[in-house]
Protein backbone atom coordinates (compact mmCIF):
# COMPACT_ATOMS: atom_id res chain seq x y z
CA MET A 1 38.31 -32.85 -16.70
CA THR A 2 36.10 -34.10 -19.53
CA GLY A 3 37.79 -31.68 -21.93
CA VAL A 4 41.21 -32.86 -20.80
CA ALA A 5 40.22 -36.45 -21.54
CA ARG A 6 39.03 -35.39 -24.97
CA GLN A 7 41.97 -33.18 -26.01
CA VAL A 8 45.06 -34.60 -24.32
CA LYS A 9 46.72 -37.40 -26.24
CA GLY A 10 47.01 -40.53 -24.12
CA ALA A 11 44.28 -39.55 -21.66
CA ARG A 12 42.16 -42.39 -23.06
CA ASP A 13 43.31 -45.74 -24.40
CA GLU A 14 42.22 -47.32 -27.68
CA HIS A 15 39.08 -48.62 -25.96
CA GLY A 16 38.08 -45.18 -24.72
CA LYS A 17 38.96 -45.88 -21.10
CA LEU A 18 40.69 -43.27 -18.96
CA THR A 19 44.41 -43.94 -18.57
CA PRO A 20 46.86 -43.39 -15.70
CA LEU A 21 47.97 -40.22 -17.51
CA TYR A 22 44.49 -38.76 -17.11
CA TYR A 23 44.48 -39.40 -13.36
CA GLU A 24 48.04 -38.08 -13.01
CA MET A 25 47.02 -34.87 -14.76
CA GLY A 26 44.04 -34.55 -12.43
CA ARG A 27 46.23 -34.87 -9.35
CA GLU A 28 48.77 -32.39 -10.71
CA LEU A 29 46.09 -29.82 -11.54
CA GLN A 30 44.52 -30.21 -8.11
CA ALA A 31 47.92 -29.67 -6.45
CA MET A 32 48.57 -26.68 -8.71
CA SER A 33 45.25 -25.10 -7.67
CA GLU A 34 46.49 -25.01 -4.06
CA ARG A 35 49.21 -22.51 -4.90
CA LEU A 36 47.92 -20.63 -7.96
CA PRO A 37 44.87 -18.46 -8.61
CA GLY A 38 41.85 -20.41 -9.82
CA THR A 39 40.28 -23.76 -9.10
CA ALA A 40 41.30 -27.13 -10.47
CA GLU A 41 38.41 -26.79 -12.94
CA ASP A 42 39.81 -23.44 -14.13
CA LEU A 43 43.23 -24.98 -14.64
CA ALA A 44 41.70 -27.94 -16.46
CA ALA A 45 40.03 -25.47 -18.85
CA ILE A 46 43.44 -23.99 -19.67
CA THR A 47 44.91 -27.45 -20.19
CA GLU A 48 42.04 -28.40 -22.49
CA ALA A 49 42.36 -25.20 -24.55
CA SER A 50 46.14 -25.45 -24.80
CA ALA A 51 45.97 -29.09 -25.87
CA ARG A 52 43.48 -28.09 -28.56
CA MET A 53 46.00 -25.50 -29.80
CA GLY A 54 48.73 -28.12 -30.11
CA VAL A 55 50.44 -28.31 -26.72
CA GLN A 56 50.98 -31.97 -25.87
CA GLY A 57 52.98 -33.99 -23.37
CA LYS A 58 52.35 -33.95 -19.65
CA ALA A 59 55.31 -31.74 -18.71
CA SER A 60 54.64 -29.17 -21.45
CA LEU A 61 50.93 -29.04 -20.67
CA LEU A 62 51.49 -28.48 -16.97
CA LYS A 63 54.13 -25.82 -17.55
CA PHE A 64 51.93 -24.05 -20.09
CA THR A 65 48.92 -24.27 -17.77
CA GLU A 66 50.85 -22.82 -14.84
CA SER A 67 52.13 -19.82 -16.79
CA VAL A 68 48.78 -19.10 -18.43
CA ALA A 69 46.89 -19.40 -15.13
CA ILE A 70 48.98 -16.56 -13.74
CA MET A 71 48.35 -14.52 -16.89
CA ALA A 72 44.60 -15.16 -16.63
CA ASP A 73 44.62 -13.71 -13.12
CA ALA A 74 46.89 -10.80 -14.06
CA PHE A 75 44.86 -9.81 -17.12
CA ALA A 76 41.42 -10.68 -15.72
CA MET A 77 40.65 -13.08 -18.55
CA PRO A 78 38.55 -16.26 -18.48
CA THR A 79 40.80 -19.29 -18.24
CA ASP A 80 39.47 -21.07 -21.31
CA GLU A 81 39.74 -17.90 -23.41
CA ILE A 82 43.31 -17.08 -22.46
CA GLY A 83 44.41 -20.70 -22.85
CA GLU A 84 43.25 -20.78 -26.44
CA SER A 85 44.46 -17.24 -27.19
CA MET A 86 47.97 -17.86 -25.87
CA GLY A 87 48.14 -21.09 -27.82
CA LYS A 88 47.25 -19.19 -30.99
CA VAL A 89 49.78 -16.44 -30.31
CA ALA A 90 52.50 -18.99 -29.60
CA ASN A 91 51.75 -20.73 -32.89
CA LEU A 92 51.63 -17.51 -34.90
CA TYR A 93 54.94 -16.16 -33.59
CA LYS A 94 56.70 -19.53 -33.34
CA VAL A 95 57.11 -19.28 -29.57
CA PRO A 96 57.98 -22.71 -28.13
CA PHE A 97 55.24 -23.74 -25.75
CA ASP A 98 57.81 -24.36 -23.03
CA ASN A 99 58.81 -20.68 -23.31
CA ILE A 100 55.30 -19.27 -22.98
CA ASN A 101 56.30 -17.52 -19.74
CA GLU A 102 58.58 -15.25 -21.83
CA LEU A 103 55.53 -14.08 -23.76
CA GLY A 104 53.76 -13.55 -20.45
CA ASP A 105 56.67 -11.47 -19.16
CA ALA A 106 56.52 -9.12 -22.16
CA LEU A 107 52.76 -8.71 -21.89
CA ASN A 108 52.91 -8.11 -18.15
CA TYR A 109 55.63 -5.45 -18.49
CA LEU A 110 53.48 -3.58 -20.99
CA ASP A 111 50.28 -4.08 -18.99
CA ASP A 112 51.94 -2.68 -15.86
CA ASN A 113 53.86 0.21 -17.41
CA ALA A 114 51.79 1.45 -20.36
CA GLN A 115 48.26 2.69 -20.96
CA SER A 116 47.37 -0.57 -22.70
CA ASN A 117 46.15 -3.75 -21.04
CA GLY A 118 47.19 -7.36 -21.49
CA ARG A 119 43.85 -8.53 -22.86
CA ASP A 120 43.87 -5.94 -25.66
CA ILE A 121 47.52 -6.63 -26.50
CA ILE A 122 46.74 -10.34 -26.87
CA ASP A 123 43.87 -9.39 -29.20
CA VAL A 124 46.21 -7.24 -31.30
CA LEU A 125 48.87 -9.95 -31.45
CA GLN A 126 46.35 -12.39 -32.89
CA ARG A 127 45.20 -9.86 -35.47
CA LEU A 128 48.84 -9.14 -36.43
CA GLY A 129 49.59 -12.78 -37.15
CA GLY A 130 49.92 -12.03 -40.87
CA VAL A 131 53.11 -10.02 -40.29
CA ALA A 132 54.66 -12.41 -37.78
CA ASP A 133 57.39 -13.09 -40.35
CA LYS A 134 58.45 -9.43 -40.03
CA LEU A 135 57.91 -8.80 -36.31
CA ASN A 136 58.57 -11.19 -33.44
CA PHE A 137 56.09 -11.27 -30.58
CA ARG A 138 57.95 -8.65 -28.54
CA GLN A 139 58.17 -6.25 -31.49
CA ALA A 140 54.53 -6.78 -32.43
CA ALA A 141 53.46 -6.33 -28.80
CA ALA A 142 55.39 -3.06 -28.45
CA LEU A 143 53.98 -1.62 -31.68
CA GLY A 144 50.43 -2.71 -30.95
CA SER A 145 50.61 -1.62 -27.32
CA THR A 146 51.80 1.85 -28.33
CA PHE A 147 48.85 2.30 -30.66
CA LEU A 148 46.57 1.12 -27.84
CA SER A 149 48.21 3.54 -25.41
CA LEU A 150 47.54 6.37 -27.85
CA GLY A 151 43.83 5.60 -27.77
CA SER A 152 43.28 3.19 -30.66
CA ALA A 153 40.87 0.29 -30.28
CA PRO A 154 42.45 -3.18 -30.68
CA GLU A 155 41.11 -3.67 -34.21
CA VAL A 156 42.38 -0.22 -35.29
CA ALA A 157 45.75 -0.73 -33.59
CA ALA A 158 46.22 -4.04 -35.39
CA SER A 159 45.05 -2.70 -38.76
CA ALA A 160 47.32 0.36 -38.55
CA ALA A 161 50.34 -1.69 -37.52
CA ASN A 162 49.64 -4.23 -40.23
CA ALA A 163 49.32 -1.48 -42.86
CA MET A 164 52.64 0.06 -41.87
CA VAL A 165 54.50 -3.24 -42.07
CA ARG A 166 52.79 -4.25 -45.32
CA GLU A 167 53.30 -0.98 -47.19
CA LEU A 168 56.94 -0.56 -46.19
CA SER A 169 57.70 -4.20 -47.05
CA ILE A 170 56.75 -3.67 -50.70
CA ALA A 171 58.25 -0.21 -51.10
CA THR A 172 59.72 -0.87 -54.57
CA MET A 173 56.32 -1.98 -55.89
CA GLN A 174 54.46 1.11 -54.71
CA GLY A 175 52.98 3.79 -56.96
CA LYS A 176 53.80 7.43 -57.54
CA ARG A 177 52.05 8.70 -54.42
CA PHE A 178 54.08 6.43 -52.13
CA GLN A 179 57.34 7.28 -53.90
CA ALA A 180 56.59 11.00 -53.50
CA GLY A 181 56.20 10.43 -49.78
CA LEU A 182 59.57 8.67 -49.64
CA ARG A 183 61.24 11.53 -51.50
CA ALA A 184 59.81 13.98 -48.98
CA LEU A 185 61.48 11.91 -46.26
CA GLY A 186 64.74 11.47 -48.15
CA LEU A 187 64.41 7.69 -48.13
CA ASP A 188 65.22 5.13 -50.81
CA ALA A 189 62.62 2.47 -51.66
CA THR A 190 65.11 -0.34 -52.23
CA ARG A 191 66.96 0.23 -48.98
CA LEU A 192 63.69 0.62 -47.14
CA GLN A 193 62.37 -2.69 -48.45
CA GLN A 194 65.63 -4.44 -47.59
CA GLY A 195 65.49 -2.94 -44.12
CA MET A 196 62.07 -4.48 -43.56
CA VAL A 197 63.70 -7.86 -44.14
CA THR A 198 66.74 -7.41 -41.93
CA ASP A 199 65.42 -5.09 -39.18
CA SER A 200 61.76 -4.23 -39.54
CA GLN A 201 61.44 -2.59 -36.12
CA GLY A 202 64.47 -0.39 -36.70
CA THR A 203 63.24 0.51 -40.18
CA ILE A 204 59.82 1.52 -38.89
CA GLN A 205 61.50 3.74 -36.30
CA ALA A 206 63.67 5.34 -39.01
CA VAL A 207 60.61 6.18 -41.09
CA LEU A 208 58.82 7.65 -38.08
CA GLU A 209 61.91 9.67 -37.16
CA ALA A 210 62.02 11.12 -40.68
CA VAL A 211 58.31 11.98 -40.49
CA LYS A 212 58.80 13.67 -37.13
CA LYS A 213 61.49 15.93 -38.60
CA LEU A 214 59.08 17.33 -41.20
CA PRO A 215 57.22 20.58 -40.59
CA ALA A 216 54.05 19.80 -38.63
CA GLU A 217 51.82 20.85 -41.54
CA ASP A 218 53.47 18.29 -43.86
CA GLN A 219 53.50 15.25 -41.61
CA LEU A 220 49.95 14.01 -42.18
CA THR A 221 50.27 14.55 -45.93
CA VAL A 222 53.37 12.36 -46.11
CA THR A 223 52.05 9.60 -43.85
CA THR A 224 48.86 9.53 -45.95
CA GLN A 225 50.98 9.18 -49.09
CA LEU A 226 52.73 6.23 -47.49
CA PHE A 227 49.89 4.47 -45.67
CA GLY A 228 46.72 5.79 -47.27
CA LYS A 229 43.85 7.87 -45.96
CA GLU A 230 42.70 5.16 -43.58
CA PHE A 231 45.96 4.84 -41.63
CA GLY A 232 47.88 8.03 -42.42
CA ASP A 233 46.58 9.74 -39.29
CA ASP A 234 47.53 6.75 -37.12
CA ALA A 235 51.09 6.76 -38.50
CA SER A 236 51.36 10.52 -38.00
CA LYS A 237 50.20 10.17 -34.40
CA LEU A 238 52.75 7.41 -33.83
CA ALA A 239 55.54 9.56 -35.30
CA ASN A 240 54.66 12.37 -32.92
CA ASN A 241 54.80 9.92 -30.03
CA LEU A 242 58.00 8.20 -31.12
CA ASP A 243 59.51 8.47 -27.66
CA GLU A 244 56.58 6.50 -26.24
CA TYR A 245 57.02 3.83 -28.90
CA ARG A 246 60.71 3.56 -28.04
CA ARG A 247 59.86 3.38 -24.33
CA GLN A 248 57.58 0.45 -24.95
CA ILE A 249 60.21 -1.27 -27.06
CA ALA A 250 62.55 -0.84 -24.09
CA LEU A 251 59.94 -2.46 -21.82
CA THR A 252 59.82 -5.59 -23.97
CA THR A 253 63.62 -5.63 -24.10
CA ALA A 254 63.72 -5.47 -20.31
CA ALA A 255 61.27 -8.38 -20.18
CA GLU A 256 63.52 -10.38 -22.49
CA GLN A 257 66.55 -9.70 -20.30
CA LYS A 258 64.55 -10.73 -17.23
CA ALA A 259 63.56 -13.98 -18.94
CA ARG A 260 67.20 -14.75 -19.73
CA ARG A 261 68.19 -14.21 -16.10
CA CYS A 262 65.37 -16.48 -15.01
CA ALA A 263 66.43 -19.16 -17.48
CA ARG A 264 69.91 -19.24 -15.98
CA ARG A 265 68.52 -20.17 -12.59
CA ARG A 266 68.09 -23.82 -11.80
CA PRO A 267 64.34 -24.55 -11.74
CA VAL A 268 62.76 -26.41 -8.84
CA PRO A 269 59.96 -28.79 -9.89
CA ALA A 270 56.52 -27.58 -8.90
CA THR A 271 55.78 -31.03 -7.54
CA SER A 272 58.72 -31.09 -5.13
CA ARG A 273 58.05 -33.05 -1.94
CA ARG A 274 56.63 -30.92 0.83
CA SER A 275 54.87 -31.39 4.12
CA GLY A 276 51.69 -29.59 3.11
CA PRO A 277 50.09 -27.39 0.49
CA MET A 278 51.97 -24.31 -0.61
CA PRO A 279 50.68 -20.97 0.63
CA ARG A 280 48.21 -19.23 -1.66
CA MET A 281 49.44 -15.90 -2.92
CA PRO A 282 46.83 -13.12 -2.81
CA ALA A 283 45.31 -12.56 -6.25
CA VAL A 284 45.96 -8.84 -6.20
CA THR A 285 49.70 -9.47 -5.88
CA TRP A 286 49.74 -11.76 -8.90
CA ALA A 287 47.66 -9.30 -10.87
CA ARG A 288 50.04 -6.38 -10.51
CA MET A 289 53.41 -8.07 -10.29
CA PRO A 290 55.70 -5.39 -11.81
CA ALA A 291 58.71 -7.49 -12.75
CA PRO A 292 57.61 -11.05 -13.41
CA CYS A 293 59.91 -13.99 -13.20
CA TRP A 294 57.08 -16.35 -12.46
CA ARG A 295 58.65 -19.78 -12.57
CA PRO A 296 61.63 -18.92 -10.34
CA ILE A 297 59.22 -17.26 -7.92
CA CYS A 298 57.15 -20.42 -7.74
CA ALA A 299 60.37 -22.36 -7.38
CA SER A 300 61.46 -20.28 -4.41
CA TRP A 301 58.12 -20.94 -2.77
CA ALA A 302 58.56 -24.64 -3.31
CA THR A 303 61.98 -24.46 -1.67
CA ALA A 304 60.66 -22.44 1.25
CA SER A 305 57.88 -24.90 1.92
CA ARG A 306 60.01 -28.01 2.04
CA PRO A 307 60.25 -29.70 5.42
């Protein structure tokens, strides 16, 4: 709890003494450890890391800690590492800290149903922060996860995705080689650049669809004209696996729809009065939960355990 005292605003007073807030947080984290994977110390590490990334306020910190603790177990990540990583991702993609479970839903859907894993997707999302103005976290996760599923390492997946977004976003400024590639696809640079502003994910799919329609012997040539020698082969591979990319987009869409259904349910506070500690869910169940709706699940447990 030393880190919590250091990072959480209000945990110490102006004289450096621990405040009631500090002790309240300690009790809440201890109670949380009785029903979630990890010890109170593990949860405190998440709280410390999330506070360092900008999450503040008792309610927001506890909600963030709860969601991230489940992700840490699901993705087999150290608690302090995932706390800081999720804080960074939330900041990069402008995800409200109170909605961090929506990010977890998207990652878990991909982790469960694709050949990528949650830890690598989180890595890619952080590396793709420079194009967060073009892709939201679900779109970036689907694109990065598809590259990962096709065998790319996280750094390659992020670099290839970043190159595609960057090059298409400045289509009208590109040289003769790029313009020749567009002509081969029958695409217009101005419309393409505008499309990257209004619907970047749809525009990327349109480009890949056009590449896929080319004769096989021309595809790598055109993607190299568009994205250079370093990433032309990655783009060509993605075009030839366009159905997989669309499937992963559909997974993140399903996660979003799940989150909306969860949001419509009335939440039950995790600290609801009960006669005893809540039952501990086996870690393996948390780790492979196929269709997460974590907060309502916890809420239903709280309801079931009331006297």
